[in-house]
Amino acid sequence: MLKVIAEDFIKPDCVEKVMALYRELVSATKKEPLCIAYDLYIDEKDPGHFIFIEEWPDRKALELHCESEHFRRLVPLIDQHKRKDAQYILMNSLVTAHDL
């Protein structure tokens, strides 16, 4: 299991524009057959700081997501409004319910 934390940093005056793009991205991604979870959160202290918490079966599933039409189309549009580069953390599960 692969957990992803992806952080976007958007210019404050562009948040409303980006929200429509995020809604489309989240909606389309949740329909992907290998998507386990794909949730978007906003930092209460910084309204331009968005955090995606994603779950994929493996790295290949994440790669397929990154190659999807909606990802390749929407992410560059979102990135036009960034105030700094996105950050990513990829984490593999070491203990599962099966191990307990």
PDB file of N, CA and C in Angstrom:
ATOM      1  N   MET A   1       0.847  -1.169   0.000  1.00  0.00           N
ATOM      2  CA  MET A   1       0.000   0.000   0.000  1.00  0.00           C
ATOM      3  C   MET A   1       0.893   1.233   0.000  1.00  0.00           C
ATOM      4  N   LEU A   2       0.548   2.202  -0.846  1.00  0.00           N
ATOM      5  CA  LEU A   2       1.311   3.440  -0.961  1.00  0.00           C
ATOM      6  C   LEU A   2       0.426   4.608  -0.530  1.00  0.00           C
ATOM      7  N   LYS A   3       0.911   5.364   0.422  1.00  0.00           N
ATOM      8  CA  LYS A   3       0.226   6.568   0.885  1.00  0.00           C
ATOM      9  C   LYS A   3       1.022   7.758   0.366  1.00  0.00           C
ATOM     10  N   VAL A   4       0.319   8.759  -0.151  1.00  0.00           N
ATOM     11  CA  VAL A   4       0.954   9.946  -0.697  1.00  0.00           C
ATOM     12  C   VAL A   4       0.395  11.168   0.025  1.00  0.00           C
ATOM     13  N   ILE A   5       1.302  12.048   0.422  1.00  0.00           N
ATOM     14  CA  ILE A   5       0.910  13.365   0.911  1.00  0.00           C
ATOM     15  C   ILE A   5       1.516  14.361  -0.069  1.00  0.00           C
ATOM     16  N   ALA A   6       0.645  15.073  -0.761  1.00  0.00           N
ATOM     17  CA  ALA A   6       1.076  16.053  -1.759  1.00  0.00           C
ATOM     18  C   ALA A   6       0.593  17.420  -1.309  1.00  0.00           C
ATOM     19  N   GLU A   7       1.508  18.375  -1.258  1.00  0.00           N
ATOM     20  CA  GLU A   7       1.167  19.708  -0.798  1.00  0.00           C
ATOM     21  C   GLU A   7       1.309  20.713  -1.944  1.00  0.00           C
ATOM     22  N   ASP A   8       0.273  21.498  -2.135  1.00  0.00           N
ATOM     23  CA  ASP A   8       0.291  22.591  -3.110  1.00  0.00           C
ATOM     24  C   ASP A   8       0.260  23.916  -2.359  1.00  0.00           C
ATOM     25  N   PHE A   9       0.931  24.893  -2.919  1.00  0.00           N
ATOM     26  CA  PHE A   9       0.993  26.225  -2.330  1.00  0.00           C
ATOM     27  C   PHE A   9       0.547  27.221  -3.397  1.00  0.00           C
ATOM     28  N   ILE A  10      -0.657  27.744  -3.230  1.00  0.00           N
ATOM     29  CA  ILE A  10      -1.303  28.586  -4.232  1.00  0.00           C
ATOM     30  C   ILE A  10      -1.301  30.045  -3.767  1.00  0.00           C
ATOM     31  N   LYS A  11      -1.122  30.945  -4.723  1.00  0.00           N
ATOM     32  CA  LYS A  11      -1.191  32.376  -4.411  1.00  0.00           C
ATOM     33  C   LYS A  11      -2.576  32.683  -3.824  1.00  0.00           C
ATOM     34  N   PRO A  12      -2.632  33.437  -2.731  1.00  0.00           N
ATOM     35  CA  PRO A  12      -3.922  33.692  -2.070  1.00  0.00           C
ATOM     36  C   PRO A  12      -5.003  34.262  -2.986  1.00  0.00           C
ATOM     37  N   ASP A  13      -4.631  35.128  -3.915  1.00  0.00           N
ATOM     38  CA  ASP A  13      -5.632  35.739  -4.789  1.00  0.00           C
ATOM     39  C   ASP A  13      -6.099  34.795  -5.906  1.00  0.00           C
ATOM     40  N   CYS A  14      -5.537  33.594  -5.967  1.00  0.00           N
ATOM     41  CA  CYS A  14      -5.901  32.628  -7.009  1.00  0.00           C
ATOM     42  C   CYS A  14      -6.657  31.411  -6.462  1.00  0.00           C
ATOM     43  N   VAL A  15      -6.897  31.383  -5.160  1.00  0.00           N
ATOM     44  CA  VAL A  15      -7.510  30.206  -4.538  1.00  0.00           C
ATOM     45  C   VAL A  15      -8.864  29.873  -5.170  1.00  0.00           C
ATOM     46  N   GLU A  16      -9.702  30.866  -5.398  1.00  0.00           N
ATOM     47  CA  GLU A  16     -11.032  30.598  -5.964  1.00  0.00           C
ATOM     48  C   GLU A  16     -10.940  29.982  -7.356  1.00  0.00           C
ATOM     49  N   LYS A  17     -10.032  30.474  -8.185  1.00  0.00           N
ATOM     50  CA  LYS A  17      -9.840  29.914  -9.525  1.00  0.00           C
ATOM     51  C   LYS A  17      -9.415  28.455  -9.449  1.00  0.00           C
ATOM     52  N   VAL A  18      -8.502  28.180  -8.542  1.00  0.00           N
ATOM     53  CA  VAL A  18      -7.929  26.838  -8.427  1.00  0.00           C
ATOM     54  C   VAL A  18      -8.945  25.846  -7.843  1.00  0.00           C
ATOM     55  N   MET A  19      -9.846  26.314  -7.001  1.00  0.00           N
ATOM     56  CA  MET A  19     -10.823  25.405  -6.385  1.00  0.00           C
ATOM     57  C   MET A  19     -11.633  24.643  -7.434  1.00  0.00           C
ATOM     58  N   ALA A  20     -12.041  25.291  -8.501  1.00  0.00           N
ATOM     59  CA  ALA A  20     -12.805  24.602  -9.547  1.00  0.00           C
ATOM     60  C   ALA A  20     -11.955  23.506 -10.194  1.00  0.00           C
ATOM     61  N   LEU A  21     -10.676  23.771 -10.393  1.00  0.00           N
ATOM     62  CA  LEU A  21      -9.772  22.773 -10.971  1.00  0.00           C
ATOM     63  C   LEU A  21      -9.567  21.610 -10.006  1.00  0.00           C
ATOM     64  N   TYR A  22      -9.402  21.921  -8.722  1.00  0.00           N
ATOM     65  CA  TYR A  22      -9.250  20.864  -7.711  1.00  0.00           C
ATOM     66  C   TYR A  22     -10.501  19.978  -7.644  1.00  0.00           C
ATOM     67  N   ARG A  23     -11.669  20.593  -7.697  1.00  0.00           N
ATOM     68  CA  ARG A  23     -12.912  19.804  -7.646  1.00  0.00           C
ATOM     69  C   ARG A  23     -12.959  18.799  -8.799  1.00  0.00           C
ATOM     70  N   GLU A  24     -12.606  19.270  -9.978  1.00  0.00           N
ATOM     71  CA  GLU A  24     -12.601  18.377 -11.140  1.00  0.00           C
ATOM     72  C   GLU A  24     -11.546  17.280 -10.979  1.00  0.00           C
ATOM     73  N   LEU A  25     -10.367  17.637 -10.500  1.00  0.00           N
ATOM     74  CA  LEU A  25      -9.295  16.662 -10.305  1.00  0.00           C
ATOM     75  C   LEU A  25      -9.688  15.595  -9.296  1.00  0.00           C
ATOM     76  N   VAL A  26     -10.234  16.000  -8.170  1.00  0.00           N
ATOM     77  CA  VAL A  26     -10.631  15.043  -7.136  1.00  0.00           C
ATOM     78  C   VAL A  26     -11.752  14.140  -7.645  1.00  0.00           C
ATOM     79  N   SER A  27     -12.746  14.717  -8.280  1.00  0.00           N
ATOM     80  CA  SER A  27     -13.871  13.935  -8.792  1.00  0.00           C
ATOM     81  C   SER A  27     -13.405  12.884  -9.803  1.00  0.00           C
ATOM     82  N   ALA A  28     -12.588  13.289 -10.755  1.00  0.00           N
ATOM     83  CA  ALA A  28     -12.116  12.354 -11.782  1.00  0.00           C
ATOM     84  C   ALA A  28     -11.194  11.296 -11.186  1.00  0.00           C
ATOM     85  N   THR A  29     -10.339  11.694 -10.263  1.00  0.00           N
ATOM     86  CA  THR A  29      -9.392  10.739  -9.674  1.00  0.00           C
ATOM     87  C   THR A  29     -10.111   9.691  -8.860  1.00  0.00           C
ATOM     88  N   LYS A  30     -11.123  10.078  -8.105  1.00  0.00           N
ATOM     89  CA  LYS A  30     -11.857   9.098  -7.288  1.00  0.00           C
ATOM     90  C   LYS A  30     -12.562   8.045  -8.149  1.00  0.00           C
ATOM     91  N   LYS A  31     -12.740   8.323  -9.432  1.00  0.00           N
ATOM     92  CA  LYS A  31     -13.355   7.361 -10.354  1.00  0.00           C
ATOM     93  C   LYS A  31     -12.334   6.398 -10.957  1.00  0.00           C
ATOM     94  N   GLU A  32     -11.049   6.669 -10.743  1.00  0.00           N
ATOM     95  CA  GLU A  32     -10.025   5.769 -11.267  1.00  0.00           C
ATOM     96  C   GLU A  32     -10.132   4.415 -10.564  1.00  0.00           C
ATOM     97  N   PRO A  33     -10.036   3.320 -11.319  1.00  0.00           N
ATOM     98  CA  PRO A  33     -10.251   1.997 -10.719  1.00  0.00           C
ATOM     99  C   PRO A  33      -9.243   1.621  -9.625  1.00  0.00           C
ATOM    100  N   LEU A  34      -8.042   2.155  -9.658  1.00  0.00           N
ATOM    101  CA  LEU A  34      -7.034   1.788  -8.662  1.00  0.00           C
ATOM    102  C   LEU A  34      -6.945   2.774  -7.498  1.00  0.00           C
ATOM    103  N   CYS A  35      -7.739   3.825  -7.534  1.00  0.00           N
ATOM    104  CA  CYS A  35      -7.717   4.819  -6.453  1.00  0.00           C
ATOM    105  C   CYS A  35      -8.417   4.259  -5.217  1.00  0.00           C
ATOM    106  N   ILE A  36      -7.692   4.194  -4.117  1.00  0.00           N
ATOM    107  CA  ILE A  36      -8.270   3.760  -2.847  1.00  0.00           C
ATOM    108  C   ILE A  36      -8.814   4.968  -2.092  1.00  0.00           C
ATOM    109  N   ALA A  37      -8.042   6.046  -2.049  1.00  0.00           N
ATOM    110  CA  ALA A  37      -8.473   7.283  -1.392  1.00  0.00           C
ATOM    111  C   ALA A  37      -7.766   8.456  -2.047  1.00  0.00           C
ATOM    112  N   TYR A  38      -8.481   9.567  -2.132  1.00  0.00           N
ATOM    113  CA  TYR A  38      -7.919  10.785  -2.730  1.00  0.00           C
ATOM    114  C   TYR A  38      -8.698  11.955  -2.155  1.00  0.00           C
ATOM    115  N   ASP A  39      -8.169  12.521  -1.084  1.00  0.00           N
ATOM    116  CA  ASP A  39      -8.883  13.570  -0.362  1.00  0.00           C
ATOM    117  C   ASP A  39      -8.047  14.839  -0.319  1.00  0.00           C
ATOM    118  N   LEU A  40      -8.721  15.973  -0.419  1.00  0.00           N
ATOM    119  CA  LEU A  40      -8.063  17.266  -0.438  1.00  0.00           C
ATOM    120  C   LEU A  40      -8.455  18.047   0.806  1.00  0.00           C
ATOM    121  N   TYR A  41      -7.447  18.607   1.457  1.00  0.00           N
ATOM    122  CA  TYR A  41      -7.651  19.399   2.667  1.00  0.00           C
ATOM    123  C   TYR A  41      -7.016  20.770   2.481  1.00  0.00           C
ATOM    124  N   ILE A  42      -7.494  21.731   3.252  1.00  0.00           N
ATOM    125  CA  ILE A  42      -6.940  23.087   3.211  1.00  0.00           C
ATOM    126  C   ILE A  42      -6.456  23.443   4.610  1.00  0.00           C
ATOM    127  N   ASP A  43      -5.304  24.043   4.678  1.00  0.00           N
ATOM    128  CA  ASP A  43      -4.697  24.459   5.935  1.00  0.00           C
ATOM    129  C   ASP A  43      -5.515  25.616   6.517  1.00  0.00           C
ATOM    130  N   GLU A  44      -6.016  25.468   7.729  1.00  0.00           N
ATOM    131  CA  GLU A  44      -6.826  26.511   8.353  1.00  0.00           C
ATOM    132  C   GLU A  44      -6.044  27.799   8.585  1.00  0.00           C
ATOM    133  N   LYS A  45      -4.744  27.699   8.730  1.00  0.00           N
ATOM    134  CA  LYS A  45      -3.922  28.880   8.992  1.00  0.00           C
ATOM    135  C   LYS A  45      -3.395  29.516   7.709  1.00  0.00           C
ATOM    136  N   ASP A  46      -3.486  28.800   6.603  1.00  0.00           N
ATOM    137  CA  ASP A  46      -2.949  29.294   5.329  1.00  0.00           C
ATOM    138  C   ASP A  46      -3.877  28.830   4.208  1.00  0.00           C
ATOM    139  N   PRO A  47      -4.854  29.645   3.812  1.00  0.00           N
ATOM    140  CA  PRO A  47      -5.843  29.218   2.821  1.00  0.00           C
ATOM    141  C   PRO A  47      -5.293  28.906   1.438  1.00  0.00           C
ATOM    142  N   GLY A  48      -4.024  29.179   1.178  1.00  0.00           N
ATOM    143  CA  GLY A  48      -3.421  28.803  -0.096  1.00  0.00           C
ATOM    144  C   GLY A  48      -2.619  27.520  -0.016  1.00  0.00           C
ATOM    145  N   HIS A  49      -2.633  26.871   1.140  1.00  0.00           N
ATOM    146  CA  HIS A  49      -1.888  25.632   1.348  1.00  0.00           C
ATOM    147  C   HIS A  49      -2.879  24.461   1.313  1.00  0.00           C
ATOM    148  N   PHE A  50      -2.761  23.645   0.270  1.00  0.00           N
ATOM    149  CA  PHE A  50      -3.655  22.508   0.072  1.00  0.00           C
ATOM    150  C   PHE A  50      -2.876  21.213   0.251  1.00  0.00           C
ATOM    151  N   ILE A  51      -3.518  20.241   0.865  1.00  0.00           N
ATOM    152  CA  ILE A  51      -2.858  18.962   1.126  1.00  0.00           C
ATOM    153  C   ILE A  51      -3.748  17.832   0.606  1.00  0.00           C
ATOM    154  N   PHE A  52      -3.194  17.055  -0.309  1.00  0.00           N
ATOM    155  CA  PHE A  52      -3.851  15.846  -0.795  1.00  0.00           C
ATOM    156  C   PHE A  52      -3.335  14.676   0.035  1.00  0.00           C
ATOM    157  N   ILE A  53      -4.236  13.847   0.491  1.00  0.00           N
ATOM    158  CA  ILE A  53      -3.857  12.591   1.128  1.00  0.00           C
ATOM    159  C   ILE A  53      -4.441  11.498   0.249  1.00  0.00           C
ATOM    160  N   GLU A  54      -3.538  10.727  -0.329  1.00  0.00           N
ATOM    161  CA  GLU A  54      -3.913   9.733  -1.341  1.00  0.00           C
ATOM    162  C   GLU A  54      -3.507   8.340  -0.880  1.00  0.00           C
ATOM    163  N   GLU A  55      -4.221   7.348  -1.389  1.00  0.00           N
ATOM    164  CA  GLU A  55      -3.831   5.967  -1.138  1.00  0.00           C
ATOM    165  C   GLU A  55      -3.998   5.173  -2.430  1.00  0.00           C
ATOM    166  N   TRP A  56      -2.925   4.468  -2.773  1.00  0.00           N
ATOM    167  CA  TRP A  56      -2.859   3.665  -3.987  1.00  0.00           C
ATOM    168  C   TRP A  56      -2.342   2.283  -3.637  1.00  0.00           C
ATOM    169  N   PRO A  57      -2.691   1.259  -4.420  1.00  0.00           N
ATOM    170  CA  PRO A  57      -2.200  -0.088  -4.110  1.00  0.00           C
ATOM    171  C   PRO A  57      -0.671  -0.192  -4.198  1.00  0.00           C
ATOM    172  N   ASP A  58      -0.075   0.574  -5.142  1.00  0.00           N
ATOM    173  CA  ASP A  58       1.373   0.479  -5.350  1.00  0.00           C
ATOM    174  C   ASP A  58       1.835   1.664  -6.204  1.00  0.00           C
ATOM    175  N   ARG A  59       3.124   1.713  -6.444  1.00  0.00           N
ATOM    176  CA  ARG A  59       3.715   2.815  -7.206  1.00  0.00           C
ATOM    177  C   ARG A  59       3.202   2.839  -8.648  1.00  0.00           C
ATOM    178  N   LYS A  60       2.977   1.684  -9.245  1.00  0.00           N
ATOM    179  CA  LYS A  60       2.470   1.617 -10.612  1.00  0.00           C
ATOM    180  C   LYS A  60       1.096   2.290 -10.722  1.00  0.00           C
ATOM    181  N   ALA A  61       0.244   2.092  -9.730  1.00  0.00           N
ATOM    182  CA  ALA A  61      -1.077   2.725  -9.733  1.00  0.00           C
ATOM    183  C   ALA A  61      -0.942   4.248  -9.671  1.00  0.00           C
ATOM    184  N   LEU A  62      -0.004   4.731  -8.860  1.00  0.00           N
ATOM    185  CA  LEU A  62       0.248   6.170  -8.790  1.00  0.00           C
ATOM    186  C   LEU A  62       0.753   6.683 -10.134  1.00  0.00           C
ATOM    187  N   GLU A  63       1.636   5.940 -10.769  1.00  0.00           N
ATOM    188  CA  GLU A  63       2.148   6.343 -12.083  1.00  0.00           C
ATOM    189  C   GLU A  63       1.028   6.420 -13.115  1.00  0.00           C
ATOM    190  N   LEU A  64       0.112   5.468 -13.081  1.00  0.00           N
ATOM    191  CA  LEU A  64      -1.029   5.503 -14.001  1.00  0.00           C
ATOM    192  C   LEU A  64      -1.889   6.735 -13.740  1.00  0.00           C
ATOM    193  N   HIS A  65      -2.071   7.075 -12.478  1.00  0.00           N
ATOM    194  CA  HIS A  65      -2.814   8.288 -12.132  1.00  0.00           C
ATOM    195  C   HIS A  65      -2.136   9.518 -12.729  1.00  0.00           C
ATOM    196  N   CYS A  66      -0.826   9.600 -12.570  1.00  0.00           N
ATOM    197  CA  CYS A  66      -0.076  10.756 -13.075  1.00  0.00           C
ATOM    198  C   CYS A  66      -0.077  10.829 -14.598  1.00  0.00           C
ATOM    199  N   GLU A  67      -0.370   9.726 -15.262  1.00  0.00           N
ATOM    200  CA  GLU A  67      -0.460   9.688 -16.717  1.00  0.00           C
ATOM    201  C   GLU A  67      -1.888   9.898 -17.226  1.00  0.00           C
ATOM    202  N   SER A  68      -2.856   9.974 -16.321  1.00  0.00           N
ATOM    203  CA  SER A  68      -4.256  10.098 -16.727  1.00  0.00           C
ATOM    204  C   SER A  68      -4.503  11.434 -17.430  1.00  0.00           C
ATOM    205  N   GLU A  69      -5.517  11.457 -18.269  1.00  0.00           N
ATOM    206  CA  GLU A  69      -5.857  12.666 -19.024  1.00  0.00           C
ATOM    207  C   GLU A  69      -6.153  13.827 -18.085  1.00  0.00           C
ATOM    208  N   HIS A  70      -6.962  13.587 -17.063  1.00  0.00           N
ATOM    209  CA  HIS A  70      -7.352  14.686 -16.181  1.00  0.00           C
ATOM    210  C   HIS A  70      -6.158  15.228 -15.397  1.00  0.00           C
ATOM    211  N   PHE A  71      -5.248  14.373 -14.961  1.00  0.00           N
ATOM    212  CA  PHE A  71      -4.072  14.826 -14.228  1.00  0.00           C
ATOM    213  C   PHE A  71      -3.175  15.668 -15.137  1.00  0.00           C
ATOM    214  N   ARG A  72      -2.907  15.143 -16.328  1.00  0.00           N
ATOM    215  CA  ARG A  72      -2.004  15.839 -17.263  1.00  0.00           C
ATOM    216  C   ARG A  72      -2.595  17.170 -17.752  1.00  0.00           C
ATOM    217  N   ARG A  73      -3.900  17.267 -17.760  1.00  0.00           N
ATOM    218  CA  ARG A  73      -4.556  18.502 -18.202  1.00  0.00           C
ATOM    219  C   ARG A  73      -4.687  19.511 -17.053  1.00  0.00           C
ATOM    220  N   LEU A  74      -5.111  19.050 -15.876  1.00  0.00           N
ATOM    221  CA  LEU A  74      -5.442  19.964 -14.780  1.00  0.00           C
ATOM    222  C   LEU A  74      -4.235  20.442 -13.974  1.00  0.00           C
ATOM    223  N   VAL A  75      -3.263  19.577 -13.737  1.00  0.00           N
ATOM    224  CA  VAL A  75      -2.125  19.982 -12.899  1.00  0.00           C
ATOM    225  C   VAL A  75      -1.358  21.166 -13.489  1.00  0.00           C
ATOM    226  N   PRO A  76      -1.079  21.195 -14.791  1.00  0.00           N
ATOM    227  CA  PRO A  76      -0.419  22.394 -15.328  1.00  0.00           C
ATOM    228  C   PRO A  76      -1.260  23.668 -15.165  1.00  0.00           C
ATOM    229  N   LEU A  77      -2.573  23.545 -15.239  1.00  0.00           N
ATOM    230  CA  LEU A  77      -3.442  24.708 -15.034  1.00  0.00           C
ATOM    231  C   LEU A  77      -3.371  25.187 -13.586  1.00  0.00           C
ATOM    232  N   ILE A  78      -3.356  24.237 -12.661  1.00  0.00           N
ATOM    233  CA  ILE A  78      -3.223  24.569 -11.236  1.00  0.00           C
ATOM    234  C   ILE A  78      -1.859  25.211 -10.975  1.00  0.00           C
ATOM    235  N   ASP A  79      -0.816  24.619 -11.549  1.00  0.00           N
ATOM    236  CA  ASP A  79       0.548  25.101 -11.311  1.00  0.00           C
ATOM    237  C   ASP A  79       0.778  26.529 -11.796  1.00  0.00           C
ATOM    238  N   GLN A  80      -0.058  27.019 -12.680  1.00  0.00           N
ATOM    239  CA  GLN A  80       0.068  28.412 -13.132  1.00  0.00           C
ATOM    240  C   GLN A  80      -0.161  29.395 -11.985  1.00  0.00           C
ATOM    241  N   HIS A  81      -0.788  28.914 -10.913  1.00  0.00           N
ATOM    242  CA  HIS A  81      -1.158  29.778  -9.790  1.00  0.00           C
ATOM    243  C   HIS A  81      -0.366  29.479  -8.516  1.00  0.00           C
ATOM    244  N   LYS A  82       0.687  28.688  -8.640  1.00  0.00           N
ATOM    245  CA  LYS A  82       1.449  28.321  -7.444  1.00  0.00           C
ATOM    246  C   LYS A  82       2.343  29.466  -6.981  1.00  0.00           C
ATOM    247  N   ARG A  83       2.539  29.514  -5.673  1.00  0.00           N
ATOM    248  CA  ARG A  83       3.464  30.511  -5.119  1.00  0.00           C
ATOM    249  C   ARG A  83       4.812  29.887  -4.799  1.00  0.00           C
ATOM    250  N   LYS A  84       4.851  28.550  -4.731  1.00  0.00           N
ATOM    251  CA  LYS A  84       6.108  27.809  -4.623  1.00  0.00           C
ATOM    252  C   LYS A  84       5.841  26.378  -5.066  1.00  0.00           C
ATOM    253  N   ASP A  85       6.907  25.638  -5.310  1.00  0.00           N
ATOM    254  CA  ASP A  85       6.773  24.284  -5.828  1.00  0.00           C
ATOM    255  C   ASP A  85       6.064  23.351  -4.839  1.00  0.00           C
ATOM    256  N   ALA A  86       5.344  22.418  -5.412  1.00  0.00           N
ATOM    257  CA  ALA A  86       4.654  21.408  -4.611  1.00  0.00           C
ATOM    258  C   ALA A  86       5.680  20.512  -3.915  1.00  0.00           C
ATOM    259  N   GLN A  87       5.233  19.881  -2.837  1.00  0.00           N
ATOM    260  CA  GLN A  87       6.061  18.931  -2.100  1.00  0.00           C
ATOM    261  C   GLN A  87       5.307  17.601  -2.022  1.00  0.00           C
ATOM    262  N   TYR A  88       6.081  16.508  -2.050  1.00  0.00           N
ATOM    263  CA  TYR A  88       5.469  15.181  -2.054  1.00  0.00           C
ATOM    264  C   TYR A  88       6.177  14.282  -1.053  1.00  0.00           C
ATOM    265  N   ILE A  89       5.386  13.483  -0.353  1.00  0.00           N
ATOM    266  CA  ILE A  89       5.917  12.445   0.526  1.00  0.00           C
ATOM    267  C   ILE A  89       5.248  11.141   0.101  1.00  0.00           C
ATOM    268  N   LEU A  90       6.055  10.125  -0.208  1.00  0.00           N
ATOM    269  CA  LEU A  90       5.542   8.799  -0.560  1.00  0.00           C
ATOM    270  C   LEU A  90       5.895   7.863   0.586  1.00  0.00           C
ATOM    271  N   MET A  91       4.894   7.139   1.090  1.00  0.00           N
ATOM    272  CA  MET A  91       5.110   6.248   2.225  1.00  0.00           C
ATOM    273  C   MET A  91       4.526   4.873   1.921  1.00  0.00           C
ATOM    274  N   ASN A  92       5.314   3.840   2.211  1.00  0.00           N
ATOM    275  CA  ASN A  92       4.846   2.473   2.067  1.00  0.00           C
ATOM    276  C   ASN A  92       4.438   1.935   3.427  1.00  0.00           C
ATOM    277  N   SER A  93       3.394   1.146   3.436  1.00  0.00           N
ATOM    278  CA  SER A  93       2.905   0.549   4.673  1.00  0.00           C
ATOM    279  C   SER A  93       3.828  -0.590   5.094  1.00  0.00           C
ATOM    280  N   LEU A  94       4.276  -0.537   6.338  1.00  0.00           N
ATOM    281  CA  LEU A  94       5.125  -1.612   6.854  1.00  0.00           C
ATOM    282  C   LEU A  94       4.326  -2.611   7.675  1.00  0.00           C
ATOM    283  N   VAL A  95       3.255  -2.150   8.280  1.00  0.00           N
ATOM    284  CA  VAL A  95       2.400  -3.022   9.084  1.00  0.00           C
ATOM    285  C   VAL A  95       0.987  -2.883   8.553  1.00  0.00           C
ATOM    286  N   THR A  96       0.358  -3.997   8.254  1.00  0.00           N
ATOM    287  CA  THR A  96      -1.021  -3.993   7.776  1.00  0.00           C
ATOM    288  C   THR A  96      -1.905  -4.696   8.791  1.00  0.00           C
ATOM    289  N   ALA A  97      -3.199  -4.630   8.603  1.00  0.00           N
ATOM    290  CA  ALA A  97      -4.128  -5.314   9.489  1.00  0.00           C
ATOM    291  C   ALA A  97      -3.853  -6.816   9.508  1.00  0.00           C
ATOM    292  N   HIS A  98      -3.398  -7.334   8.382  1.00  0.00           N
ATOM    293  CA  HIS A  98      -3.066  -8.759   8.285  1.00  0.00           C
ATOM    294  C   HIS A  98      -1.922  -9.131   9.230  1.00  0.00           C
ATOM    295  N   ASP A  99      -1.000  -8.185   9.472  1.00  0.00           N
ATOM    296  CA  ASP A  99       0.156  -8.435  10.330  1.00  0.00           C
ATOM    297  C   ASP A  99      -0.196  -8.434  11.818  1.00  0.00           C
ATOM    298  N   LEU A 100      -1.331  -7.851  12.172  1.00  0.00           N
ATOM    299  CA  LEU A 100      -1.678  -7.714  13.591  1.00  0.00           C
ATOM    300  C   LEU A 100      -2.289  -8.957  14.163  1.00  0.00           C
TER     301      LEU A 100
END
